[in-house]
Amino acid sequence: MLKKRKSKQKKKVTVTFTLPSEFATESLHLAGDFTGWEASCAFKRQKDGSWRTTFDLEPGGEHQFRYLADGQRWVNDPAADRYVPNPYGSENSIVIT
């Protein structure tokens, strides 16, 4: 699930990325064009087992991203705004701000 909230003070859009527990067992990281494709944004496991993280993005853009599950598997967000092909034969998720 993607939840977007505009911040007038920061002139950013805060996006909350939430995924169910079955996406990963040990760790989940967010990587995208806004992180230089480094899997540097770690999710935190919630009390219900789901995973959640937030990231501030520039408004008015389309940002590509994927998740790195358990340090091994790249997965897309089922709630992404859309998907685009990537050079590796799969797709990247898109969040529109």
N, C-alpha and C. Protein backbone atom coordinates (compact mmCIF):
# COMPACT_ATOMS: atom_id res chain seq x y z
N MET A 1 0.85 -1.17 0.00
CA MET A 1 0.00 0.00 0.00
C MET A 1 0.90 1.23 0.00
N LEU A 2 0.52 2.23 -0.79
CA LEU A 2 1.21 3.50 -0.83
C LEU A 2 0.27 4.58 -0.31
N LYS A 3 0.73 5.32 0.68
CA LYS A 3 -0.06 6.41 1.22
C LYS A 3 0.76 7.68 1.04
N LYS A 4 0.17 8.71 0.41
CA LYS A 4 0.88 9.95 0.10
C LYS A 4 0.28 11.11 0.89
N ARG A 5 1.18 11.94 1.42
CA ARG A 5 0.73 13.10 2.19
C ARG A 5 1.62 14.28 1.82
N LYS A 6 0.98 15.38 1.34
CA LYS A 6 1.74 16.57 0.97
C LYS A 6 2.09 17.37 2.21
N SER A 7 3.32 17.87 2.25
CA SER A 7 3.78 18.71 3.34
C SER A 7 4.06 20.11 2.81
N LYS A 8 3.28 21.08 3.24
CA LYS A 8 3.48 22.45 2.77
C LYS A 8 4.77 23.05 3.29
N GLN A 9 5.14 22.71 4.53
CA GLN A 9 6.35 23.27 5.12
C GLN A 9 7.60 22.77 4.40
N LYS A 10 7.65 21.48 4.11
CA LYS A 10 8.84 20.89 3.49
C LYS A 10 8.81 20.97 1.97
N LYS A 11 7.63 21.28 1.41
CA LYS A 11 7.44 21.26 -0.04
C LYS A 11 7.83 19.90 -0.61
N LYS A 12 7.41 18.86 0.10
CA LYS A 12 7.69 17.47 -0.27
C LYS A 12 6.39 16.67 -0.16
N VAL A 13 6.43 15.47 -0.69
CA VAL A 13 5.35 14.51 -0.51
C VAL A 13 5.92 13.36 0.30
N THR A 14 5.35 13.13 1.47
CA THR A 14 5.77 12.01 2.30
C THR A 14 4.99 10.78 1.85
N VAL A 15 5.72 9.76 1.42
CA VAL A 15 5.09 8.52 0.96
C VAL A 15 5.37 7.43 2.00
N THR A 16 4.31 6.80 2.46
CA THR A 16 4.44 5.67 3.38
C THR A 16 4.25 4.40 2.56
N PHE A 17 5.25 3.54 2.60
CA PHE A 17 5.24 2.27 1.90
C PHE A 17 4.94 1.19 2.94
N THR A 18 3.87 0.43 2.74
CA THR A 18 3.47 -0.63 3.67
C THR A 18 3.25 -1.92 2.89
N LEU A 19 3.85 -2.99 3.38
CA LEU A 19 3.73 -4.29 2.73
C LEU A 19 3.37 -5.36 3.76
N PRO A 20 2.64 -6.38 3.34
CA PRO A 20 2.28 -7.45 4.28
C PRO A 20 3.50 -8.29 4.68
N SER A 21 3.36 -9.02 5.76
CA SER A 21 4.47 -9.77 6.35
C SER A 21 5.10 -10.78 5.39
N GLU A 22 4.32 -11.34 4.48
CA GLU A 22 4.85 -12.39 3.61
C GLU A 22 5.85 -11.89 2.55
N PHE A 23 6.03 -10.58 2.42
CA PHE A 23 7.00 -10.07 1.46
C PHE A 23 8.44 -10.40 1.84
N ALA A 24 8.71 -10.54 3.12
CA ALA A 24 10.07 -10.84 3.57
C ALA A 24 10.02 -11.50 4.93
N THR A 25 11.07 -12.29 5.23
CA THR A 25 11.13 -12.93 6.54
C THR A 25 12.12 -12.23 7.47
N GLU A 26 13.24 -11.75 6.92
CA GLU A 26 14.30 -11.15 7.75
C GLU A 26 14.43 -9.65 7.60
N SER A 27 14.41 -9.16 6.34
CA SER A 27 14.62 -7.73 6.11
C SER A 27 13.97 -7.30 4.81
N LEU A 28 13.66 -6.01 4.74
CA LEU A 28 13.07 -5.44 3.54
C LEU A 28 13.63 -4.03 3.38
N HIS A 29 14.09 -3.71 2.17
CA HIS A 29 14.67 -2.39 1.90
C HIS A 29 14.04 -1.79 0.65
N LEU A 30 13.97 -0.48 0.64
CA LEU A 30 13.45 0.28 -0.49
C LEU A 30 14.62 0.84 -1.28
N ALA A 31 14.57 0.68 -2.60
CA ALA A 31 15.57 1.27 -3.49
C ALA A 31 14.83 1.90 -4.66
N GLY A 32 15.36 3.01 -5.14
CA GLY A 32 14.71 3.66 -6.28
C GLY A 32 15.58 4.73 -6.88
N ASP A 33 15.03 5.40 -7.88
CA ASP A 33 15.79 6.47 -8.51
C ASP A 33 16.08 7.59 -7.52
N PHE A 34 15.31 7.67 -6.45
CA PHE A 34 15.50 8.70 -5.43
C PHE A 34 16.53 8.30 -4.38
N THR A 35 17.05 7.07 -4.44
CA THR A 35 18.12 6.62 -3.54
C THR A 35 19.37 6.24 -4.32
N GLY A 36 19.40 6.58 -5.61
CA GLY A 36 20.51 6.14 -6.46
C GLY A 36 20.50 4.64 -6.64
N TRP A 37 19.35 4.02 -6.48
CA TRP A 37 19.16 2.57 -6.56
C TRP A 37 19.95 1.80 -5.50
N GLU A 38 20.33 2.48 -4.44
CA GLU A 38 20.92 1.81 -3.28
C GLU A 38 19.78 1.36 -2.38
N ALA A 39 19.83 0.14 -1.89
CA ALA A 39 18.81 -0.38 -0.98
C ALA A 39 19.13 0.12 0.43
N SER A 40 19.07 1.43 0.59
CA SER A 40 19.52 2.06 1.83
C SER A 40 18.39 2.41 2.79
N CYS A 41 17.16 2.32 2.34
CA CYS A 41 16.02 2.70 3.19
C CYS A 41 15.38 1.42 3.74
N ALA A 42 15.65 1.13 5.01
CA ALA A 42 15.15 -0.10 5.63
C ALA A 42 13.72 0.06 6.12
N PHE A 43 12.96 -0.99 5.94
CA PHE A 43 11.61 -1.05 6.50
C PHE A 43 11.70 -1.49 7.95
N LYS A 44 10.68 -1.13 8.74
CA LYS A 44 10.57 -1.63 10.11
C LYS A 44 9.38 -2.56 10.17
N ARG A 45 9.58 -3.68 10.87
CA ARG A 45 8.47 -4.62 11.06
C ARG A 45 7.52 -4.05 12.10
N GLN A 46 6.24 -4.10 11.80
CA GLN A 46 5.21 -3.59 12.69
C GLN A 46 4.71 -4.70 13.62
N LYS A 47 3.95 -4.34 14.62
CA LYS A 47 3.43 -5.33 15.58
C LYS A 47 2.60 -6.41 14.92
N ASP A 48 1.90 -6.06 13.84
CA ASP A 48 1.07 -7.04 13.14
C ASP A 48 1.86 -7.88 12.13
N GLY A 49 3.18 -7.66 12.05
CA GLY A 49 4.04 -8.42 11.14
C GLY A 49 4.28 -7.74 9.81
N SER A 50 3.51 -6.71 9.49
CA SER A 50 3.69 -6.01 8.22
C SER A 50 4.98 -5.18 8.27
N TRP A 51 5.37 -4.67 7.12
CA TRP A 51 6.59 -3.86 6.98
C TRP A 51 6.19 -2.43 6.58
N ARG A 52 6.92 -1.42 7.14
CA ARG A 52 6.58 -0.04 6.81
C ARG A 52 7.81 0.85 6.84
N THR A 53 7.85 1.79 5.90
CA THR A 53 8.86 2.84 5.90
C THR A 53 8.26 4.07 5.23
N THR A 54 8.87 5.22 5.44
CA THR A 54 8.42 6.45 4.79
C THR A 54 9.61 7.12 4.12
N PHE A 55 9.30 7.89 3.09
CA PHE A 55 10.34 8.60 2.35
C PHE A 55 9.74 9.88 1.81
N ASP A 56 10.48 10.99 1.90
CA ASP A 56 10.04 12.27 1.34
C ASP A 56 10.51 12.38 -0.10
N LEU A 57 9.56 12.67 -1.00
CA LEU A 57 9.86 12.78 -2.42
C LEU A 57 9.45 14.14 -2.96
N GLU A 58 10.05 14.52 -4.07
CA GLU A 58 9.68 15.77 -4.73
C GLU A 58 8.27 15.65 -5.29
N PRO A 59 7.46 16.69 -5.15
CA PRO A 59 6.10 16.64 -5.71
C PRO A 59 6.13 16.78 -7.24
N GLY A 60 5.07 16.31 -7.86
CA GLY A 60 4.90 16.48 -9.29
C GLY A 60 5.78 15.58 -10.14
N GLY A 61 6.18 14.44 -9.61
CA GLY A 61 7.07 13.56 -10.37
C GLY A 61 6.59 12.14 -10.39
N GLU A 62 7.29 11.35 -11.19
CA GLU A 62 7.09 9.90 -11.23
C GLU A 62 8.41 9.28 -10.82
N HIS A 63 8.38 8.49 -9.76
CA HIS A 63 9.59 7.93 -9.18
C HIS A 63 9.56 6.42 -9.29
N GLN A 64 10.64 5.83 -9.85
CA GLN A 64 10.74 4.38 -9.98
C GLN A 64 11.35 3.80 -8.71
N PHE A 65 10.86 2.61 -8.33
CA PHE A 65 11.37 1.95 -7.13
C PHE A 65 11.10 0.46 -7.18
N ARG A 66 11.81 -0.26 -6.31
CA ARG A 66 11.60 -1.70 -6.07
C ARG A 66 11.97 -1.98 -4.62
N TYR A 67 11.65 -3.19 -4.18
CA TYR A 67 11.99 -3.63 -2.84
C TYR A 67 13.00 -4.77 -2.92
N LEU A 68 13.96 -4.76 -1.99
CA LEU A 68 14.91 -5.87 -1.87
C LEU A 68 14.52 -6.66 -0.62
N ALA A 69 14.00 -7.86 -0.84
CA ALA A 69 13.52 -8.70 0.26
C ALA A 69 14.61 -9.68 0.68
N ASP A 70 14.90 -9.67 1.97
CA ASP A 70 15.87 -10.59 2.58
C ASP A 70 17.24 -10.53 1.90
N GLY A 71 17.57 -9.39 1.32
CA GLY A 71 18.88 -9.19 0.70
C GLY A 71 19.12 -10.00 -0.57
N GLN A 72 18.05 -10.62 -1.11
CA GLN A 72 18.23 -11.54 -2.24
C GLN A 72 17.26 -11.33 -3.40
N ARG A 73 16.05 -10.94 -3.11
CA ARG A 73 14.97 -10.98 -4.09
C ARG A 73 14.41 -9.58 -4.34
N TRP A 74 14.38 -9.14 -5.61
CA TRP A 74 13.76 -7.86 -5.96
C TRP A 74 12.29 -8.08 -6.24
N VAL A 75 11.42 -7.27 -5.62
CA VAL A 75 9.98 -7.39 -5.81
C VAL A 75 9.38 -6.01 -6.03
N ASN A 76 8.23 -6.01 -6.70
CA ASN A 76 7.49 -4.77 -6.94
C ASN A 76 6.36 -4.60 -5.94
N ASP A 77 5.86 -3.40 -5.87
CA ASP A 77 4.73 -3.10 -5.00
C ASP A 77 3.43 -3.39 -5.75
N PRO A 78 2.57 -4.25 -5.22
CA PRO A 78 1.30 -4.53 -5.90
C PRO A 78 0.37 -3.32 -5.95
N ALA A 79 0.63 -2.30 -5.13
CA ALA A 79 -0.20 -1.11 -5.11
C ALA A 79 0.45 0.07 -5.82
N ALA A 80 1.49 -0.18 -6.62
CA ALA A 80 2.16 0.91 -7.34
C ALA A 80 1.18 1.62 -8.27
N ASP A 81 1.48 2.88 -8.55
CA ASP A 81 0.61 3.65 -9.45
C ASP A 81 0.66 3.11 -10.87
N ARG A 82 1.81 2.60 -11.26
CA ARG A 82 1.96 1.91 -12.54
C ARG A 82 3.33 1.22 -12.56
N TYR A 83 3.67 0.58 -13.67
CA TYR A 83 4.93 -0.15 -13.80
C TYR A 83 5.57 0.21 -15.14
N VAL A 84 6.92 0.16 -15.18
CA VAL A 84 7.64 0.40 -16.42
C VAL A 84 8.71 -0.69 -16.56
N PRO A 85 9.00 -1.08 -17.81
CA PRO A 85 10.06 -2.08 -18.01
C PRO A 85 11.42 -1.53 -17.56
N ASN A 86 12.26 -2.41 -17.03
CA ASN A 86 13.63 -2.01 -16.69
C ASN A 86 14.60 -2.78 -17.58
N PRO A 87 15.88 -2.40 -17.58
CA PRO A 87 16.83 -3.05 -18.48
C PRO A 87 17.20 -4.48 -18.09
N TYR A 88 16.63 -5.00 -16.99
CA TYR A 88 16.97 -6.34 -16.51
C TYR A 88 15.92 -7.39 -16.85
N GLY A 89 14.97 -7.02 -17.71
CA GLY A 89 13.95 -7.98 -18.15
C GLY A 89 12.75 -8.09 -17.23
N SER A 90 12.64 -7.18 -16.28
CA SER A 90 11.46 -7.17 -15.41
C SER A 90 10.89 -5.75 -15.41
N GLU A 91 10.15 -5.40 -14.39
CA GLU A 91 9.55 -4.08 -14.32
C GLU A 91 9.92 -3.39 -13.01
N ASN A 92 9.85 -2.07 -13.03
CA ASN A 92 9.98 -1.26 -11.82
C ASN A 92 8.62 -0.69 -11.46
N SER A 93 8.38 -0.52 -10.18
CA SER A 93 7.17 0.14 -9.70
C SER A 93 7.32 1.64 -9.88
N ILE A 94 6.19 2.33 -10.01
CA ILE A 94 6.17 3.80 -10.12
C ILE A 94 5.26 4.34 -9.04
N VAL A 95 5.73 5.40 -8.35
CA VAL A 95 4.87 6.17 -7.47
C VAL A 95 4.81 7.57 -8.06
N ILE A 96 3.59 8.08 -8.22
CA ILE A 96 3.38 9.42 -8.78
C ILE A 96 3.08 10.37 -7.64
N THR A 97 3.87 11.43 -7.57
CA THR A 97 3.67 12.40 -6.50
C THR A 97 3.09 13.68 -7.04
